[in-house]
Amino acid sequence: MTLPPEHAGLPVLADSVRLADDGVHLLDRRVFPLERVWVHARTAEDVARAIEQMVTQSSGPYFATLWGMVLAAREAVADDPASARQRLAEAGRRFVATRPTNDQPRKAVDQVLAAVDADPGADVAEAALAGARAGDADYRRRSTEMGRAAAALLPDRARVLTHCWGDLYLVGMVQAALELGKQPVFFCTETRPYLQGARLTAETLDEMGVDTTLITDGMGASLFSRGEVDALVTASDRVSMDGHVINKVGTLQLAVAAHAFGVPFHALCHAPDPHSPTGSDVPIEYRDGEEVLHALGHRTASTRVRGLYPAFDVTPPRFVTTIATDRGAFAAERVGDYWKESQR
């Protein structure tokens, strides 16, 4: 798969889910960068299963859902408009259920359905494609704006610790910081059990020419205690209206440690989720514990040992310094004002 001209110069993972005439092609993040394998999803259901199986992660499910909804519309091409709309709605529910903690698939579904509903007489497949393209452009624009807000929070030559893979959120922040001449330095946690920090974050930062050091998941507090980190910065899978940050499991312990040693924690988020008043309103996905018992295809524990894998944790706002959005930065407890600003 070749890079579209409009995405030239971006890191590889910034364009890793692509629509084609024969379906959706997803760069398999489970093996990147050791291998560059593209998974070919021919149907909407194939795309949903790829999301569930972690072929794509972070913002990947958003783009996969956009293009998966286009496939669902193509599959309904022979249906009457009402039946086609119903099939799209069913596909949307399937995509939302693939990763219940992350609210990005729901946003992607809403983008496509809104475009279809805007003109009931239009061709459903064409309307879905237009909606998906608009959703793609909107996500990238918002990531750029959010990245600028986040970069403004960092001092020059900031030593930043990040956890898991922040995708276009992180890319946008690094691009903005480099444009400002801030030259940040990064520490990346490896992020068990999929090692997204080691394979995805560190690889992308290196690709962008940023000074990068990999650490294990248990080293963060030690770096904070020695004054070697200026800021903890992570993406978020969802932020509640009262400022709880839901992100890859392990974020909470880093946030608590950062708070204990006076290191600010900045969370990146396009916008808080108006459907989640508090952190307790966000469903936490529990994945198969077997995933914890393996690393890079090898079992790491006895067959008598069980694994437990809550894929996300919830960080209370008292441990969050700032939430950077596409409309600027907010104190965690005031992030709900994002929507007041929008209305104004």
Protein backbone atom coordinates (compact mmCIF):
# COMPACT_ATOMS: atom_id res chain seq x y z
CA MET A 1 0.00 0.00 0.00
CA THR A 2 1.46 3.35 -1.03
CA LEU A 3 1.04 6.56 0.96
CA PRO A 4 -1.55 9.01 -0.44
CA PRO A 5 0.07 12.29 -1.62
CA GLU A 6 -1.81 14.36 0.97
CA HIS A 7 -0.24 12.28 3.76
CA ALA A 8 3.33 12.43 2.45
CA GLY A 9 5.84 13.25 5.16
CA LEU A 10 3.71 11.80 7.96
CA PRO A 11 4.87 8.85 10.06
CA VAL A 12 3.85 5.43 8.75
CA LEU A 13 1.24 4.88 11.46
CA ALA A 14 -0.50 8.17 10.69
CA ASP A 15 -2.03 6.54 7.63
CA SER A 16 -2.42 2.88 8.49
CA VAL A 17 -6.11 2.25 7.70
CA ARG A 18 -7.09 2.75 4.06
CA LEU A 19 -10.20 2.30 1.96
CA ALA A 20 -9.87 0.67 -1.46
CA ASP A 21 -12.22 -0.69 -4.10
CA ASP A 22 -11.72 -4.21 -2.74
CA GLY A 23 -12.29 -3.36 0.94
CA VAL A 24 -10.35 -1.87 3.83
CA HIS A 25 -6.63 -2.46 4.33
CA LEU A 26 -5.23 -2.22 7.87
CA LEU A 27 -1.55 -2.17 8.76
CA ASP A 28 -1.22 -4.88 11.41
CA ARG A 29 -0.05 -3.01 14.50
CA ARG A 30 0.35 -6.28 16.41
CA VAL A 31 3.58 -6.98 14.53
CA PHE A 32 4.73 -3.51 13.37
CA PRO A 33 7.58 -2.53 12.99
CA LEU A 34 9.06 -6.05 13.06
CA GLU A 35 6.87 -6.81 10.05
CA ARG A 36 4.83 -4.60 7.74
CA VAL A 37 1.77 -6.73 7.07
CA TRP A 38 -1.51 -5.37 5.71
CA VAL A 39 -4.71 -7.15 6.75
CA HIS A 40 -7.35 -7.10 4.01
CA ALA A 41 -10.91 -6.72 5.33
CA ARG A 42 -13.38 -7.36 2.52
CA THR A 43 -16.59 -6.80 4.49
CA ALA A 44 -17.82 -4.61 7.31
CA GLU A 45 -17.79 -7.64 9.61
CA ASP A 46 -14.16 -8.33 8.67
CA VAL A 47 -13.31 -4.78 9.76
CA ALA A 48 -15.14 -5.21 13.08
CA ARG A 49 -13.27 -8.43 13.81
CA ALA A 50 -9.96 -6.77 12.95
CA ILE A 51 -10.68 -4.04 15.50
CA GLU A 52 -11.58 -6.62 18.16
CA GLN A 53 -8.44 -8.61 17.43
CA MET A 54 -6.22 -5.53 17.94
CA VAL A 55 -5.05 -5.35 14.32
CA THR A 56 -5.48 -1.60 14.76
CA GLN A 57 -5.50 0.41 18.00
CA SER A 58 -5.75 3.94 19.46
CA SER A 59 -7.24 6.12 16.69
CA GLY A 60 -7.09 3.19 14.30
CA PRO A 61 -10.59 1.95 15.26
CA TYR A 62 -11.97 5.40 14.42
CA PHE A 63 -10.67 5.29 10.85
CA ALA A 64 -11.48 1.59 10.53
CA THR A 65 -15.06 2.33 11.57
CA LEU A 66 -15.36 5.18 9.07
CA TRP A 67 -14.28 2.99 6.18
CA GLY A 68 -16.09 -0.07 7.58
CA MET A 69 -19.33 1.91 7.48
CA VAL A 70 -18.61 2.65 3.82
CA LEU A 71 -18.31 -1.10 3.21
CA ALA A 72 -21.61 -1.62 5.03
CA ALA A 73 -23.22 0.96 2.73
CA ARG A 74 -21.79 -0.78 -0.32
CA GLU A 75 -23.22 -4.07 0.96
CA ALA A 76 -26.66 -2.46 1.13
CA VAL A 77 -26.53 -1.08 -2.41
CA ALA A 78 -29.45 -3.25 -3.58
CA ASP A 79 -31.66 -2.37 -0.59
CA ASP A 80 -34.33 0.30 -0.55
CA PRO A 81 -33.27 3.49 1.31
CA ALA A 82 -35.03 2.56 4.58
CA SER A 83 -33.54 -0.94 4.63
CA ALA A 84 -30.11 0.41 3.75
CA ARG A 85 -30.31 2.91 6.61
CA GLN A 86 -31.30 0.12 8.98
CA ARG A 87 -28.39 -2.02 7.84
CA LEU A 88 -26.02 0.88 8.41
CA ALA A 89 -27.40 1.41 11.91
CA GLU A 90 -26.87 -2.28 12.68
CA ALA A 91 -23.30 -2.08 11.39
CA GLY A 92 -22.78 0.99 13.54
CA ARG A 93 -23.86 -0.84 16.68
CA ARG A 94 -21.48 -3.65 15.80
CA PHE A 95 -18.55 -1.23 15.45
CA VAL A 96 -19.34 0.58 18.70
CA ALA A 97 -19.29 -2.75 20.54
CA THR A 98 -15.84 -3.72 19.26
CA ARG A 99 -13.94 -1.57 21.79
CA PRO A 100 -16.52 -0.31 24.32
CA THR A 101 -14.20 1.93 26.37
CA ASN A 102 -12.97 4.01 23.44
CA ASP A 103 -15.70 6.38 22.24
CA GLN A 104 -14.08 7.05 18.85
CA PRO A 105 -15.97 4.29 16.95
CA ARG A 106 -19.25 5.84 18.09
CA LYS A 107 -18.13 9.23 16.79
CA ALA A 108 -17.19 7.68 13.45
CA VAL A 109 -20.58 5.98 13.18
CA ASP A 110 -22.34 9.25 13.97
CA GLN A 111 -20.33 11.04 11.26
CA VAL A 112 -21.41 8.58 8.57
CA LEU A 113 -25.04 8.28 9.66
CA ALA A 114 -25.39 12.06 9.84
CA ALA A 115 -24.21 12.35 6.23
CA VAL A 116 -26.65 9.66 5.10
CA ASP A 117 -29.55 11.24 6.99
CA ALA A 118 -28.77 14.72 5.65
CA ASP A 119 -30.13 13.78 2.21
CA PRO A 120 -32.59 10.86 2.29
CA GLY A 121 -32.81 10.88 -1.50
CA ALA A 122 -29.06 10.56 -2.08
CA ASP A 123 -27.26 7.35 -2.96
CA VAL A 124 -26.49 5.73 0.40
CA ALA A 125 -23.05 4.50 -0.56
CA GLU A 126 -22.01 7.90 -1.93
CA ALA A 127 -23.37 9.70 1.11
CA ALA A 128 -21.59 7.29 3.46
CA LEU A 129 -18.31 7.82 1.60
CA ALA A 130 -18.70 11.59 1.79
CA GLY A 131 -19.42 11.36 5.51
CA ALA A 132 -16.41 9.11 6.09
CA ARG A 133 -14.10 11.44 4.18
CA ALA A 134 -15.37 14.40 6.17
CA GLY A 135 -14.84 12.44 9.38
CA ASP A 136 -11.27 11.63 8.37
CA ALA A 137 -10.47 15.27 7.63
CA ASP A 138 -12.16 16.46 10.82
CA TYR A 139 -10.22 14.05 13.02
CA ARG A 140 -6.91 15.11 11.53
CA ARG A 141 -7.74 18.79 11.87
CA ARG A 142 -8.77 18.38 15.49
CA SER A 143 -5.63 16.39 16.27
CA THR A 144 -3.54 19.24 14.87
CA GLU A 145 -5.36 21.84 16.97
CA MET A 146 -5.14 19.69 20.10
CA GLY A 147 -1.45 19.09 19.45
CA ARG A 148 -0.83 22.83 19.39
CA ALA A 149 -2.64 23.26 22.71
CA ALA A 150 -0.59 20.45 24.25
CA ALA A 151 2.75 21.67 22.88
CA ALA A 152 2.13 25.08 24.43
CA LEU A 153 2.11 23.40 27.86
CA LEU A 154 5.63 22.05 27.49
CA PRO A 155 8.82 23.93 28.39
CA ASP A 156 11.72 24.10 25.94
CA ARG A 157 13.56 20.78 25.65
CA ALA A 158 10.91 19.17 27.82
CA ARG A 159 11.64 15.66 29.07
CA VAL A 160 8.32 13.91 28.50
CA LEU A 161 7.21 10.51 29.74
CA THR A 162 4.39 8.96 27.74
CA HIS A 163 2.46 5.72 28.12
CA CYS A 164 1.10 3.50 25.35
CA TRP A 165 0.52 4.77 21.82
CA GLY A 166 -0.98 8.23 21.42
CA ASP A 167 -1.37 7.98 17.64
CA LEU A 168 -2.32 11.23 15.84
CA TYR A 169 -2.73 12.92 19.22
CA LEU A 170 0.96 12.41 19.96
CA VAL A 171 2.02 13.10 16.37
CA GLY A 172 0.15 16.42 16.42
CA MET A 173 1.77 17.47 19.69
CA VAL A 174 5.28 16.55 18.56
CA GLN A 175 4.85 18.34 15.22
CA ALA A 176 3.66 21.48 17.02
CA ALA A 177 6.50 21.32 19.57
CA LEU A 178 9.09 20.96 16.81
CA GLU A 179 7.56 23.89 14.91
CA LEU A 180 7.96 25.96 18.08
CA GLY A 181 11.60 24.90 18.35
CA LYS A 182 11.04 23.19 21.70
CA GLN A 183 12.96 19.98 20.86
CA PRO A 184 11.24 17.64 23.36
CA VAL A 185 12.90 14.47 24.62
CA PHE A 186 10.76 11.39 25.24
CA PHE A 187 10.70 8.40 27.57
CA CYS A 188 8.29 5.69 26.38
CA THR A 189 6.95 2.90 28.53
CA GLU A 190 6.99 -0.45 26.74
CA THR A 191 3.26 -0.99 27.51
CA ARG A 192 2.52 -4.63 28.18
CA PRO A 193 1.09 -6.92 26.91
CA TYR A 194 1.04 -5.60 23.31
CA LEU A 195 4.16 -3.45 23.68
CA GLN A 196 2.58 -0.51 21.87
CA GLY A 197 4.97 1.91 23.53
CA ALA A 198 8.01 -0.05 22.42
CA ARG A 199 6.83 -0.91 18.92
CA LEU A 200 4.54 1.98 17.95
CA THR A 201 5.36 5.06 20.03
CA ALA A 202 9.13 4.71 20.11
CA GLU A 203 9.23 3.80 16.42
CA THR A 204 7.13 6.80 15.41
CA LEU A 205 9.05 9.27 17.58
CA ASP A 206 12.30 7.98 16.13
CA GLU A 207 10.81 8.33 12.66
CA MET A 208 10.01 11.96 13.48
CA GLY A 209 13.61 12.58 14.58
CA VAL A 210 12.85 12.95 18.29
CA ASP A 211 15.29 11.86 21.02
CA THR A 212 13.61 8.74 22.46
CA THR A 213 14.38 6.36 25.34
CA LEU A 214 12.44 3.17 26.08
CA ILE A 215 11.74 2.13 29.67
CA THR A 216 9.80 -0.74 31.21
CA ASP A 217 6.34 -0.11 32.65
CA GLY A 218 7.64 -0.13 36.23
CA MET A 219 10.30 2.59 35.87
CA GLY A 220 8.17 5.74 35.73
CA ALA A 221 8.11 6.55 39.45
CA SER A 222 11.87 6.12 39.65
CA LEU A 223 12.38 8.72 36.90
CA PHE A 224 9.94 11.12 38.58
CA SER A 225 11.72 10.74 41.92
CA ARG A 226 15.08 11.63 40.38
CA GLY A 227 13.74 14.75 38.66
CA GLU A 228 14.37 13.33 35.18
CA VAL A 229 10.89 14.07 33.78
CA ASP A 230 9.26 17.47 33.21
CA ALA A 231 5.80 16.22 32.22
CA LEU A 232 3.73 13.07 31.93
CA VAL A 233 1.73 13.24 28.70
CA THR A 234 -0.69 10.61 27.43
CA ALA A 235 -3.56 10.35 25.02
CA SER A 236 -6.95 9.20 26.32
CA ASP A 237 -9.54 6.76 25.10
CA ARG A 238 -12.21 8.86 26.76
CA VAL A 239 -12.51 11.78 29.19
CA SER A 240 -15.63 12.19 31.29
CA MET A 241 -17.35 15.52 31.76
CA ASP A 242 -16.02 15.77 35.32
CA GLY A 243 -12.41 15.24 34.25
CA HIS A 244 -11.73 11.54 34.76
CA VAL A 245 -9.19 10.31 32.21
CA ILE A 246 -9.73 6.82 30.83
CA ASN A 247 -6.66 5.43 29.11
CA LYS A 248 -4.50 2.35 28.73
CA VAL A 249 -4.15 0.46 32.01
CA GLY A 250 -1.06 1.73 33.81
CA THR A 251 -1.90 5.39 33.26
CA LEU A 252 -3.37 5.67 36.77
CA GLN A 253 -0.23 4.48 38.55
CA LEU A 254 1.92 6.86 36.51
CA ALA A 255 -0.43 9.76 37.23
CA VAL A 256 -0.38 9.05 40.98
CA ALA A 257 3.41 8.82 40.97
CA ALA A 258 3.73 12.02 38.95
CA HIS A 259 1.43 13.80 41.41
CA ALA A 260 3.51 12.56 44.35
CA PHE A 261 6.70 14.04 42.87
CA GLY A 262 5.20 17.28 41.55
CA VAL A 263 5.32 16.36 37.86
CA PRO A 264 2.36 17.71 35.81
CA PHE A 265 0.16 15.25 33.95
CA HIS A 266 -1.30 16.53 30.68
CA ALA A 267 -3.93 14.33 28.99
CA LEU A 268 -4.75 14.75 25.30
CA CYS A 269 -8.38 14.61 24.20
CA HIS A 270 -10.30 16.18 21.31
CA ALA A 271 -13.26 16.79 23.64
CA PRO A 272 -14.79 15.33 26.80
CA ASP A 273 -17.56 12.83 26.17
CA PRO A 274 -20.98 14.42 26.85
CA HIS A 275 -22.42 10.91 27.22
CA SER A 276 -20.14 10.21 30.22
CA PRO A 277 -20.91 12.56 33.13
CA THR A 278 -18.44 10.77 35.42
CA GLY A 279 -15.70 8.20 35.15
CA SER A 280 -18.02 5.53 36.51
CA ASP A 281 -20.21 5.95 33.41
CA VAL A 282 -17.45 4.59 31.13
CA PRO A 283 -17.45 0.82 30.55
CA ILE A 284 -14.01 -0.72 31.08
CA GLU A 285 -13.11 -3.40 28.58
CA TYR A 286 -11.73 -6.61 30.04
CA ARG A 287 -9.77 -8.57 27.47
CA ASP A 288 -8.89 -12.25 27.65
CA GLY A 289 -6.37 -12.80 30.45
CA GLU A 290 -4.46 -15.13 28.16
CA GLU A 291 -3.10 -12.01 26.43
CA VAL A 292 -1.19 -11.09 29.60
CA LEU A 293 0.43 -14.52 29.68
CA HIS A 294 2.12 -14.02 26.32
CA ALA A 295 4.70 -11.65 24.84
CA LEU A 296 5.53 -11.52 21.14
CA GLY A 297 3.90 -14.87 20.56
CA HIS A 298 5.53 -16.72 23.48
CA ARG A 299 3.92 -17.78 26.76
CA THR A 300 5.73 -16.21 29.71
CA ALA A 301 4.13 -18.09 32.62
CA SER A 302 3.23 -21.60 33.71
CA THR A 303 0.08 -23.14 32.26
CA ARG A 304 -1.31 -23.21 35.83
CA VAL A 305 -1.12 -19.40 36.12
CA ARG A 306 -4.15 -17.26 35.25
CA GLY A 307 -4.02 -13.86 33.60
CA LEU A 308 -6.14 -10.76 34.29
CA TYR A 309 -6.40 -7.95 31.76
CA PRO A 310 -8.47 -4.83 32.39
CA ALA A 311 -7.37 -2.97 29.26
CA PHE A 312 -7.99 0.52 30.68
CA ASP A 313 -7.99 2.35 34.00
CA VAL A 314 -9.60 5.54 35.25
CA THR A 315 -7.51 8.43 36.60
CA PRO A 316 -9.44 10.84 38.88
CA PRO A 317 -9.16 14.55 38.05
CA ARG A 318 -7.17 15.31 41.21
CA PHE A 319 -4.23 13.54 39.57
CA VAL A 320 -4.66 15.30 36.20
CA THR A 321 -3.09 18.74 35.76
CA THR A 322 -4.44 19.69 32.34
CA ILE A 323 -6.58 18.28 29.55
CA ALA A 324 -5.53 19.57 26.13
CA THR A 325 -8.39 19.68 23.60
CA ASP A 326 -8.90 21.02 20.09
CA ARG A 327 -10.28 24.19 21.71
CA GLY A 328 -7.36 24.75 24.06
CA ALA A 329 -6.29 23.49 27.46
CA PHE A 330 -8.58 23.07 30.46
CA ALA A 331 -7.98 22.22 34.10
CA ALA A 332 -9.30 18.69 34.58
CA GLU A 333 -12.17 19.70 36.86
CA ARG A 334 -13.23 22.40 34.34
CA VAL A 335 -13.05 20.32 31.17
CA GLY A 336 -16.86 20.27 30.96
CA ASP A 337 -16.58 23.96 30.05
CA TYR A 338 -15.42 22.76 26.63
CA TRP A 339 -19.05 22.40 25.61
CA LYS A 340 -19.99 25.79 27.09
CA GLU A 341 -17.30 27.33 24.93
CA SER A 342 -18.72 25.44 21.95
CA GLN A 343 -22.21 26.78 22.55
CA ARG A 344 -20.90 30.28 23.01
